[in-house]
Amino acid sequence: MKLLLTSAGMRMENKIKEFVSGIGDPIKVLHIMTAAKRETVTDYMHKDVVAMQAMGWTVQDIDVDLKTQEELREILKGVDLVYVQGGNTFYLIDGIRKSGFEKVLREFLECGGRYIGVSAGTLVAGLSIEPAVGEDPNELNMTDFAGMGLIDTTVDVHCEIGSVAEGKICLTDDQAVLVSGDDIKVIEREEI
């Protein structure tokens, strides 16, 4: 399984380029924008899409909340990378659960697909979305804070100080978690 979990998406552009090296050109990206659909400010999402397109990537935007497992499976057949955007974590995990996206995503990852999470997209990849409590409006009154468990820890984002403790990783906007199989490490934006 290959994952790159970020706080701030394309702010980690050089690390993202390294992460996708070897996929081939053009890279076909499924851009999951479910978390941003109820946000009033979405310029961060548009900046990420522009940056991906500037790298020559083909970007397809979707809202998983409006898809079935069969539709998602069909869409993922022609995709190299899933890029799960930030926004409201509760709306994102709700859409993931309703659509069955987690099951289809796991199949995709097991077949060599890659996942980039941004903010909420990073939170939902971990064991728990609890770090979103008090940060994102929980208008769905959600009480089940389980994430997808793609990584065997909880990852918090937009932390002032990065840290790694048992069961939790806190990322600054200049850090990401790189997962390759069983190898998990925190990487810095400044690394070459």
C-alpha atoms as a PDB file:
ATOM      1  CA  MET A   1       0.000   0.000   0.000  1.00  0.00           C
ATOM      2  CA  LYS A   2       1.366   3.412  -0.973  1.00  0.00           C
ATOM      3  CA  LEU A   3       0.020   6.475   0.824  1.00  0.00           C
ATOM      4  CA  LEU A   4       1.153  10.067   1.215  1.00  0.00           C
ATOM      5  CA  LEU A   5      -0.761  11.799   4.002  1.00  0.00           C
ATOM      6  CA  THR A   6      -0.371  15.580   4.148  1.00  0.00           C
ATOM      7  CA  SER A   7      -1.769  18.535   6.046  1.00  0.00           C
ATOM      8  CA  ALA A   8      -1.509  20.963   3.154  1.00  0.00           C
ATOM      9  CA  GLY A   9      -1.566  18.991  -0.094  1.00  0.00           C
ATOM     10  CA  MET A  10       0.412  20.546  -2.935  1.00  0.00           C
ATOM     11  CA  ARG A  11       2.479  22.556  -0.455  1.00  0.00           C
ATOM     12  CA  MET A  12       4.412  19.269  -0.447  1.00  0.00           C
ATOM     13  CA  GLU A  13       4.679  19.350  -4.263  1.00  0.00           C
ATOM     14  CA  ASN A  14       8.269  18.055  -4.469  1.00  0.00           C
ATOM     15  CA  LYS A  15       7.463  15.128  -2.186  1.00  0.00           C
ATOM     16  CA  ILE A  16       4.314  14.446  -4.201  1.00  0.00           C
ATOM     17  CA  LYS A  17       6.383  14.356  -7.402  1.00  0.00           C
ATOM     18  CA  GLU A  18       8.722  11.824  -5.776  1.00  0.00           C
ATOM     19  CA  PHE A  19       5.736   9.790  -4.551  1.00  0.00           C
ATOM     20  CA  VAL A  20       4.280   9.443  -8.057  1.00  0.00           C
ATOM     21  CA  SER A  21       7.566   8.875  -9.885  1.00  0.00           C
ATOM     22  CA  GLY A  22       7.492   5.709 -11.918  1.00  0.00           C
ATOM     23  CA  ILE A  23       3.748   5.761 -12.558  1.00  0.00           C
ATOM     24  CA  GLY A  24       4.143   7.048 -16.116  1.00  0.00           C
ATOM     25  CA  ASP A  25       2.623   9.937 -18.025  1.00  0.00           C
ATOM     26  CA  PRO A  26       0.104  11.358 -17.922  1.00  0.00           C
ATOM     27  CA  ILE A  27      -0.860  10.563 -14.355  1.00  0.00           C
ATOM     28  CA  LYS A  28      -4.599  10.097 -14.044  1.00  0.00           C
ATOM     29  CA  VAL A  29      -5.974  11.428 -10.766  1.00  0.00           C
ATOM     30  CA  LEU A  30      -9.350  10.896  -9.154  1.00  0.00           C
ATOM     31  CA  HIS A  31      -9.827  14.054  -7.094  1.00  0.00           C
ATOM     32  CA  ILE A  32     -12.270  13.407  -4.245  1.00  0.00           C
ATOM     33  CA  MET A  33     -13.811  16.749  -3.294  1.00  0.00           C
ATOM     34  CA  THR A  34     -16.539  15.528  -0.932  1.00  0.00           C
ATOM     35  CA  ALA A  35     -15.049  17.232   2.149  1.00  0.00           C
ATOM     36  CA  ALA A  36     -15.077  20.627   0.429  1.00  0.00           C
ATOM     37  CA  LYS A  37     -18.588  20.595  -0.966  1.00  0.00           C
ATOM     38  CA  ARG A  38     -20.127  22.523   1.932  1.00  0.00           C
ATOM     39  CA  GLU A  39     -17.153  24.794   2.541  1.00  0.00           C
ATOM     40  CA  THR A  40     -17.553  28.483   1.744  1.00  0.00           C
ATOM     41  CA  VAL A  41     -13.846  28.970   0.976  1.00  0.00           C
ATOM     42  CA  THR A  42     -12.432  26.414  -1.468  1.00  0.00           C
ATOM     43  CA  ASP A  43      -9.499  28.266  -3.022  1.00  0.00           C
ATOM     44  CA  TYR A  44      -7.113  25.668  -1.498  1.00  0.00           C
ATOM     45  CA  MET A  45      -8.836  22.954  -3.536  1.00  0.00           C
ATOM     46  CA  HIS A  46      -8.662  24.904  -6.782  1.00  0.00           C
ATOM     47  CA  LYS A  47      -4.962  25.713  -6.197  1.00  0.00           C
ATOM     48  CA  ASP A  48      -4.238  21.991  -5.796  1.00  0.00           C
ATOM     49  CA  VAL A  49      -6.082  21.158  -9.030  1.00  0.00           C
ATOM     50  CA  VAL A  50      -4.222  23.890 -10.929  1.00  0.00           C
ATOM     51  CA  ALA A  51      -0.899  22.576  -9.555  1.00  0.00           C
ATOM     52  CA  MET A  52      -1.754  19.004 -10.607  1.00  0.00           C
ATOM     53  CA  GLN A  53      -2.739  20.142 -14.087  1.00  0.00           C
ATOM     54  CA  ALA A  54       0.469  22.192 -14.353  1.00  0.00           C
ATOM     55  CA  MET A  55       2.387  18.942 -13.740  1.00  0.00           C
ATOM     56  CA  GLY A  56       0.563  17.412 -16.703  1.00  0.00           C
ATOM     57  CA  TRP A  57      -1.827  15.293 -14.664  1.00  0.00           C
ATOM     58  CA  THR A  58      -5.327  14.504 -15.857  1.00  0.00           C
ATOM     59  CA  VAL A  59      -7.719  15.357 -13.018  1.00  0.00           C
ATOM     60  CA  GLN A  60     -11.265  14.043 -12.615  1.00  0.00           C
ATOM     61  CA  ASP A  61     -13.323  15.609  -9.796  1.00  0.00           C
ATOM     62  CA  ILE A  62     -15.936  13.518  -8.013  1.00  0.00           C
ATOM     63  CA  ASP A  63     -18.059  13.512  -4.890  1.00  0.00           C
ATOM     64  CA  VAL A  64     -18.095   9.978  -3.456  1.00  0.00           C
ATOM     65  CA  ASP A  65     -21.306  10.790  -1.608  1.00  0.00           C
ATOM     66  CA  LEU A  66     -23.190  10.599  -4.909  1.00  0.00           C
ATOM     67  CA  LYS A  67     -21.655   7.338  -6.174  1.00  0.00           C
ATOM     68  CA  THR A  68     -22.270   3.620  -5.716  1.00  0.00           C
ATOM     69  CA  GLN A  69     -19.534   1.028  -5.193  1.00  0.00           C
ATOM     70  CA  GLU A  70     -20.027  -0.189  -8.756  1.00  0.00           C
ATOM     71  CA  GLU A  71     -19.664   3.337 -10.167  1.00  0.00           C
ATOM     72  CA  LEU A  72     -16.562   3.965  -8.057  1.00  0.00           C
ATOM     73  CA  ARG A  73     -15.006   0.654  -9.091  1.00  0.00           C
ATOM     74  CA  GLU A  74     -15.553   1.530 -12.760  1.00  0.00           C
ATOM     75  CA  ILE A  75     -14.100   5.036 -12.352  1.00  0.00           C
ATOM     76  CA  LEU A  76     -11.020   3.693 -10.550  1.00  0.00           C
ATOM     77  CA  LYS A  77     -10.210   1.321 -13.432  1.00  0.00           C
ATOM     78  CA  GLY A  78      -8.636   4.163 -15.387  1.00  0.00           C
ATOM     79  CA  VAL A  79      -6.922   5.953 -12.485  1.00  0.00           C
ATOM     80  CA  ASP A  80      -3.364   5.893 -11.116  1.00  0.00           C
ATOM     81  CA  LEU A  81      -3.883   7.987  -8.014  1.00  0.00           C
ATOM     82  CA  VAL A  82      -6.662   8.985  -5.622  1.00  0.00           C
ATOM     83  CA  TYR A  83      -6.266  12.495  -4.190  1.00  0.00           C
ATOM     84  CA  VAL A  84      -8.648  13.030  -1.258  1.00  0.00           C
ATOM     85  CA  GLN A  85      -9.097  16.727  -0.619  1.00  0.00           C
ATOM     86  CA  GLY A  86      -9.534  18.570   2.670  1.00  0.00           C
ATOM     87  CA  GLY A  87     -12.587  20.292   4.068  1.00  0.00           C
ATOM     88  CA  ASN A  88     -15.114  18.963   6.566  1.00  0.00           C
ATOM     89  CA  THR A  89     -13.939  15.592   7.879  1.00  0.00           C
ATOM     90  CA  PHE A  90     -17.429  14.555   9.025  1.00  0.00           C
ATOM     91  CA  TYR A  91     -18.992  15.034   5.581  1.00  0.00           C
ATOM     92  CA  LEU A  92     -16.082  13.161   4.025  1.00  0.00           C
ATOM     93  CA  ILE A  93     -16.268  10.088   6.284  1.00  0.00           C
ATOM     94  CA  ASP A  94     -20.063  10.087   5.946  1.00  0.00           C
ATOM     95  CA  GLY A  95     -19.776  10.033   2.141  1.00  0.00           C
ATOM     96  CA  ILE A  96     -17.115   7.318   2.310  1.00  0.00           C
ATOM     97  CA  ARG A  97     -19.356   5.149   4.490  1.00  0.00           C
ATOM     98  CA  LYS A  98     -22.544   5.691   2.467  1.00  0.00           C
ATOM     99  CA  SER A  99     -20.916   4.947  -0.880  1.00  0.00           C
ATOM    100  CA  GLY A 100     -18.777   2.011   0.224  1.00  0.00           C
ATOM    101  CA  PHE A 101     -15.722   3.907  -1.034  1.00  0.00           C
ATOM    102  CA  GLU A 102     -13.455   2.368   1.609  1.00  0.00           C
ATOM    103  CA  LYS A 103     -13.929  -1.142   0.223  1.00  0.00           C
ATOM    104  CA  VAL A 104     -13.350  -0.048  -3.366  1.00  0.00           C
ATOM    105  CA  LEU A 105     -10.357   2.076  -2.320  1.00  0.00           C
ATOM    106  CA  ARG A 106      -8.734  -0.877  -0.544  1.00  0.00           C
ATOM    107  CA  GLU A 107      -9.127  -2.979  -3.712  1.00  0.00           C
ATOM    108  CA  PHE A 108      -7.543  -0.142  -5.716  1.00  0.00           C
ATOM    109  CA  LEU A 109      -4.599   0.159  -3.304  1.00  0.00           C
ATOM    110  CA  GLU A 110      -4.034  -3.603  -3.234  1.00  0.00           C
ATOM    111  CA  CYS A 111      -3.698  -3.507  -7.032  1.00  0.00           C
ATOM    112  CA  GLY A 112      -0.937  -0.872  -6.884  1.00  0.00           C
ATOM    113  CA  GLY A 113      -2.966   2.353  -6.852  1.00  0.00           C
ATOM    114  CA  ARG A 114      -1.746   5.251  -4.731  1.00  0.00           C
ATOM    115  CA  TYR A 115      -3.470   7.573  -2.261  1.00  0.00           C
ATOM    116  CA  ILE A 116      -2.708  11.164  -1.348  1.00  0.00           C
ATOM    117  CA  GLY A 117      -4.641  12.615   1.575  1.00  0.00           C
ATOM    118  CA  VAL A 118      -4.964  16.318   2.301  1.00  0.00           C
ATOM    119  CA  SER A 119      -6.137  17.473   5.747  1.00  0.00           C
ATOM    120  CA  ALA A 120      -9.541  15.726   6.079  1.00  0.00           C
ATOM    121  CA  GLY A 121      -8.334  13.242   3.453  1.00  0.00           C
ATOM    122  CA  THR A 122      -5.451  12.426   5.792  1.00  0.00           C
ATOM    123  CA  LEU A 123      -7.608  12.221   8.927  1.00  0.00           C
ATOM    124  CA  VAL A 124      -9.998   9.674   7.360  1.00  0.00           C
ATOM    125  CA  ALA A 125      -7.084   7.452   6.311  1.00  0.00           C
ATOM    126  CA  GLY A 126      -6.093   6.848   9.935  1.00  0.00           C
ATOM    127  CA  LEU A 127      -7.709   4.871  12.730  1.00  0.00           C
ATOM    128  CA  SER A 128      -9.759   7.776  14.071  1.00  0.00           C
ATOM    129  CA  ILE A 129     -11.087  11.134  12.902  1.00  0.00           C
ATOM    130  CA  GLU A 130     -11.334  12.309  16.513  1.00  0.00           C
ATOM    131  CA  PRO A 131      -8.800  15.126  15.935  1.00  0.00           C
ATOM    132  CA  ALA A 132     -11.532  16.795  13.821  1.00  0.00           C
ATOM    133  CA  VAL A 133     -13.815  17.075  16.866  1.00  0.00           C
ATOM    134  CA  GLY A 134     -13.891  20.738  17.828  1.00  0.00           C
ATOM    135  CA  GLU A 135     -12.090  21.722  14.603  1.00  0.00           C
ATOM    136  CA  ASP A 136     -14.739  20.911  11.960  1.00  0.00           C
ATOM    137  CA  PRO A 137     -18.456  21.579  12.447  1.00  0.00           C
ATOM    138  CA  ASN A 138     -20.122  18.229  13.230  1.00  0.00           C
ATOM    139  CA  GLU A 139     -23.459  19.159  11.660  1.00  0.00           C
ATOM    140  CA  LEU A 140     -24.168  15.445  11.120  1.00  0.00           C
ATOM    141  CA  ASN A 141     -23.984  14.880  14.906  1.00  0.00           C
ATOM    142  CA  MET A 142     -21.619  12.012  14.239  1.00  0.00           C
ATOM    143  CA  THR A 143     -20.572   9.887  17.213  1.00  0.00           C
ATOM    144  CA  ASP A 144     -18.654   7.148  15.364  1.00  0.00           C
ATOM    145  CA  PHE A 145     -15.179   8.590  14.867  1.00  0.00           C
ATOM    146  CA  ALA A 146     -13.605   5.534  13.216  1.00  0.00           C
ATOM    147  CA  GLY A 147     -11.451   6.290  10.183  1.00  0.00           C
ATOM    148  CA  MET A 148     -10.706   3.886   7.337  1.00  0.00           C
ATOM    149  CA  GLY A 149      -7.658   2.462   9.114  1.00  0.00           C
ATOM    150  CA  LEU A 150      -5.428   2.517   6.025  1.00  0.00           C
ATOM    151  CA  ILE A 151      -2.632   3.321   8.492  1.00  0.00           C
ATOM    152  CA  ASP A 152      -2.544   1.756  11.958  1.00  0.00           C
ATOM    153  CA  THR A 153      -2.481   5.057  13.844  1.00  0.00           C
ATOM    154  CA  THR A 154      -4.393   8.321  14.101  1.00  0.00           C
ATOM    155  CA  VAL A 155      -2.954  11.210  12.108  1.00  0.00           C
ATOM    156  CA  ASP A 156      -3.681  14.793  13.127  1.00  0.00           C
ATOM    157  CA  VAL A 157      -3.079  17.708  10.748  1.00  0.00           C
ATOM    158  CA  HIS A 158      -2.238  21.420  10.881  1.00  0.00           C
ATOM    159  CA  CYS A 159      -0.362  20.966  14.167  1.00  0.00           C
ATOM    160  CA  GLU A 160       1.924  23.756  15.364  1.00  0.00           C
ATOM    161  CA  ILE A 161       4.569  21.202  16.310  1.00  0.00           C
ATOM    162  CA  GLY A 162       4.983  17.850  14.604  1.00  0.00           C
ATOM    163  CA  SER A 163       5.234  14.806  16.840  1.00  0.00           C
ATOM    164  CA  VAL A 164       5.078  11.045  16.817  1.00  0.00           C
ATOM    165  CA  ALA A 165       3.694   9.178  19.814  1.00  0.00           C
ATOM    166  CA  GLU A 166       2.238   5.744  20.264  1.00  0.00           C
ATOM    167  CA  GLY A 167      -1.063   5.725  18.429  1.00  0.00           C
ATOM    168  CA  LYS A 168      -0.861   9.275  17.045  1.00  0.00           C
ATOM    169  CA  ILE A 169       1.136  11.331  14.575  1.00  0.00           C
ATOM    170  CA  CYS A 170       0.777  15.133  14.501  1.00  0.00           C
ATOM    171  CA  LEU A 171       1.771  16.824  11.240  1.00  0.00           C
ATOM    172  CA  THR A 172       2.643  20.443  10.596  1.00  0.00           C
ATOM    173  CA  ASP A 173       1.743  21.877   7.187  1.00  0.00           C
ATOM    174  CA  ASP A 174       5.343  21.167   6.121  1.00  0.00           C
ATOM    175  CA  GLN A 175       5.220  17.453   6.943  1.00  0.00           C
ATOM    176  CA  ALA A 176       3.632  14.309   5.574  1.00  0.00           C
ATOM    177  CA  VAL A 177       3.411  10.631   6.424  1.00  0.00           C
ATOM    178  CA  LEU A 178       4.846   8.408   3.715  1.00  0.00           C
ATOM    179  CA  VAL A 179       3.571   4.830   3.761  1.00  0.00           C
ATOM    180  CA  SER A 180       5.074   2.158   1.535  1.00  0.00           C
ATOM    181  CA  GLY A 181       3.917  -1.295   2.555  1.00  0.00           C
ATOM    182  CA  ASP A 182       4.799  -1.678   6.241  1.00  0.00           C
ATOM    183  CA  ASP A 183       7.297   1.206   6.155  1.00  0.00           C
ATOM    184  CA  ILE A 184       5.833   4.368   7.710  1.00  0.00           C
ATOM    185  CA  LYS A 185       7.843   7.558   8.139  1.00  0.00           C
ATOM    186  CA  VAL A 186       7.269  11.254   8.646  1.00  0.00           C
ATOM    187  CA  ILE A 187       8.917  13.341   5.959  1.00  0.00           C
ATOM    188  CA  GLU A 188       9.694  17.056   5.855  1.00  0.00           C
ATOM    189  CA  ARG A 189       9.000  19.462   3.032  1.00  0.00           C
ATOM    190  CA  GLU A 190      12.631  20.663   3.063  1.00  0.00           C
ATOM    191  CA  GLU A 191      14.100  17.194   2.516  1.00  0.00           C
ATOM    192  CA  ILE A 192      15.720  16.587  -0.842  1.00  0.00           C
END
